[in-house]
Protein backbone atom coordinates (compact mmCIF):
# COMPACT_ATOMS: atom_id res chain seq x y z
CA MET A 1 0.00 0.00 0.00
CA THR A 2 1.45 3.38 -1.03
CA PHE A 3 0.10 6.91 -0.91
CA GLU A 4 -0.68 9.53 -3.50
CA SER A 5 0.93 12.92 -2.95
CA LYS A 6 -1.57 15.28 -1.30
CA LEU A 7 -1.27 18.47 0.72
CA VAL A 8 -1.86 16.75 4.06
CA PRO A 9 0.49 14.08 5.46
CA PRO A 10 -0.56 10.48 4.82
CA VAL A 11 -1.95 8.56 7.77
CA VAL A 12 -2.61 4.86 8.22
CA ILE A 13 -5.31 3.90 10.68
CA VAL A 14 -4.42 0.48 12.07
CA LEU A 15 -7.38 -1.26 13.70
CA VAL A 16 -6.45 -4.41 15.62
CA VAL A 17 -9.47 -6.65 16.14
CA GLU A 18 -9.08 -9.23 18.89
CA HIS A 19 -12.34 -11.10 18.25
CA SER A 20 -14.65 -10.81 15.25
CA ASP A 21 -17.79 -10.35 17.31
CA THR A 22 -16.39 -7.32 19.14
CA CYS A 23 -15.74 -5.23 16.02
CA ARG A 24 -18.63 -2.90 16.62
CA ASP A 25 -20.26 -1.05 13.76
CA GLU A 26 -19.67 2.19 15.69
CA VAL A 27 -15.92 1.61 15.51
CA LEU A 28 -15.97 1.12 11.73
CA GLU A 29 -18.40 4.01 11.20
CA GLY A 30 -16.18 6.29 13.29
CA ILE A 31 -13.26 5.50 11.03
CA ALA A 32 -15.37 5.92 7.89
CA GLY A 33 -16.64 9.30 9.14
CA GLN A 34 -13.22 10.93 9.51
CA ASP A 35 -12.92 14.39 7.93
CA TYR A 36 -9.23 13.82 7.15
CA GLU A 37 -8.39 13.55 3.44
CA ASN A 38 -5.28 11.43 3.13
CA LEU A 39 -5.78 8.21 5.03
CA GLN A 40 -5.71 4.48 4.51
CA VAL A 41 -7.22 1.87 6.80
CA VAL A 42 -5.67 -1.47 7.65
CA VAL A 43 -7.66 -3.91 9.78
CA LEU A 44 -5.62 -6.63 11.43
CA HIS A 45 -7.71 -9.35 13.01
CA ARG A 46 -6.42 -11.96 15.41
CA ASP A 47 -9.48 -14.20 15.26
CA GLN A 48 -9.55 -16.91 12.61
CA SER A 49 -13.10 -16.18 11.48
CA SER A 50 -13.30 -13.61 8.71
CA ILE A 51 -14.45 -10.06 9.30
CA GLU A 52 -13.68 -8.87 5.78
CA GLN A 53 -17.34 -8.58 4.72
CA GLN A 54 -18.24 -6.59 7.84
CA VAL A 55 -15.30 -4.24 7.34
CA LYS A 56 -15.73 -3.82 3.57
CA SER A 57 -19.42 -2.96 3.95
CA VAL A 58 -18.41 0.17 5.89
CA LEU A 59 -14.82 0.74 4.67
CA PRO A 60 -14.65 -0.54 1.07
CA GLY A 61 -11.05 0.62 0.58
CA ALA A 62 -9.69 -0.99 3.74
CA LEU A 63 -7.04 -3.68 3.68
CA VAL A 64 -8.10 -6.59 5.91
CA LYS A 65 -5.40 -9.00 7.03
CA GLU A 66 -5.58 -12.00 9.35
CA VAL A 67 -2.80 -12.09 11.94
CA SER A 68 -4.07 -15.00 14.03
CA ALA A 69 -0.53 -16.13 14.87
CA SER A 70 0.01 -12.91 16.84
CA ASN A 71 -0.04 -13.41 20.61
CA ASN A 72 -1.18 -9.91 21.58
CA PHE A 73 -2.15 -6.44 20.37
CA GLY A 74 1.45 -5.28 20.01
CA GLU A 75 2.52 -8.24 17.92
CA ALA A 76 -0.49 -7.80 15.67
CA ALA A 77 0.05 -4.04 15.32
CA ASN A 78 3.69 -4.56 14.39
CA GLN A 79 2.56 -6.42 11.26
CA ILE A 80 1.80 -3.01 9.73
CA GLU A 81 5.50 -2.60 9.03
CA LYS A 82 5.23 -5.31 6.34
CA LEU A 83 2.03 -3.95 4.80
CA THR A 84 2.54 -0.21 4.24
CA ASN A 85 5.12 2.39 3.34
CA GLY A 86 5.13 6.13 2.89
CA ALA A 87 2.90 7.03 5.82
CA SER A 88 3.83 10.04 7.93
CA PHE A 89 1.64 8.97 10.84
CA TYR A 90 -0.04 5.85 12.18
CA LEU A 91 -3.10 5.77 14.41
CA PHE A 92 -3.33 2.48 16.31
CA LEU A 93 -6.79 1.51 17.56
CA ASP A 94 -8.32 -1.50 19.23
CA ASP A 95 -11.79 -2.80 18.45
CA GLY A 96 -13.36 -0.86 21.32
CA THR A 97 -12.45 2.62 20.05
CA ALA A 98 -15.00 4.91 18.42
CA LEU A 99 -13.66 8.12 16.89
CA ALA A 100 -15.28 11.54 16.64
CA SER A 101 -15.33 12.76 13.02
CA ASP A 102 -12.48 15.23 13.59
CA SER A 103 -10.24 13.00 15.74
CA LEU A 104 -7.63 12.34 13.11
CA SER A 105 -7.46 15.89 11.75
CA VAL A 106 -7.06 17.29 15.29
CA LEU A 107 -4.29 14.82 16.14
CA VAL A 108 -2.39 15.50 12.90
CA ALA A 109 -2.74 19.27 13.31
CA GLU A 110 -1.36 19.04 16.85
CA ALA A 111 1.49 16.79 15.74
CA LEU A 112 2.50 19.24 13.03
CA GLU A 113 2.15 22.32 15.24
CA SER A 114 4.10 20.92 18.17
CA ASN A 115 6.50 18.77 16.11
CA ALA A 116 5.42 15.80 18.22
CA GLY A 117 6.42 12.23 17.49
CA ILE A 118 3.78 10.50 19.59
CA LEU A 119 0.29 11.74 20.41
CA GLY A 120 -2.74 10.18 22.01
CA PRO A 121 -6.37 11.19 22.21
CA LYS A 122 -8.38 11.80 25.36
CA VAL A 123 -10.04 8.45 26.02
CA LEU A 124 -13.63 8.52 27.24
CA ASP A 125 -15.81 5.80 28.73
CA TRP A 126 -17.83 4.02 26.00
CA ASP A 127 -21.11 4.03 27.95
CA ASP A 128 -20.60 7.41 29.64
CA PRO A 129 -18.61 9.81 27.41
CA SER A 130 -18.60 12.43 30.16
CA ARG A 131 -16.04 10.25 32.01
CA ILE A 132 -12.36 10.08 31.08
CA THR A 133 -11.02 6.54 31.39
């Protein structure tokens, strides 16, 4: 997977799915609803059952790859190194993360403004978004 040259830095969203049944539609819809222009989505799933149809119904351009031999989130996420090149930023998510529509654009803007290498969003409780977790 490579990127076209655009005015905004390329970003790869890496979604690691531990179990097929936990990949909520809200997670996929949050990714699909991003207002950021230059992004690719890679879904790495550790379960042996396929989630490709579920993912492609919401994110038709996503790359879906099974990484069932991975022992944990980190091992699975590290598979991205073999699958992409040319990205300026990576956003690593687990299958319990729903994004606001401007999450990615806000993170990239902050990274560029502050010359940051690593950023993280404010994480809120799924059932009670008024609570920081």
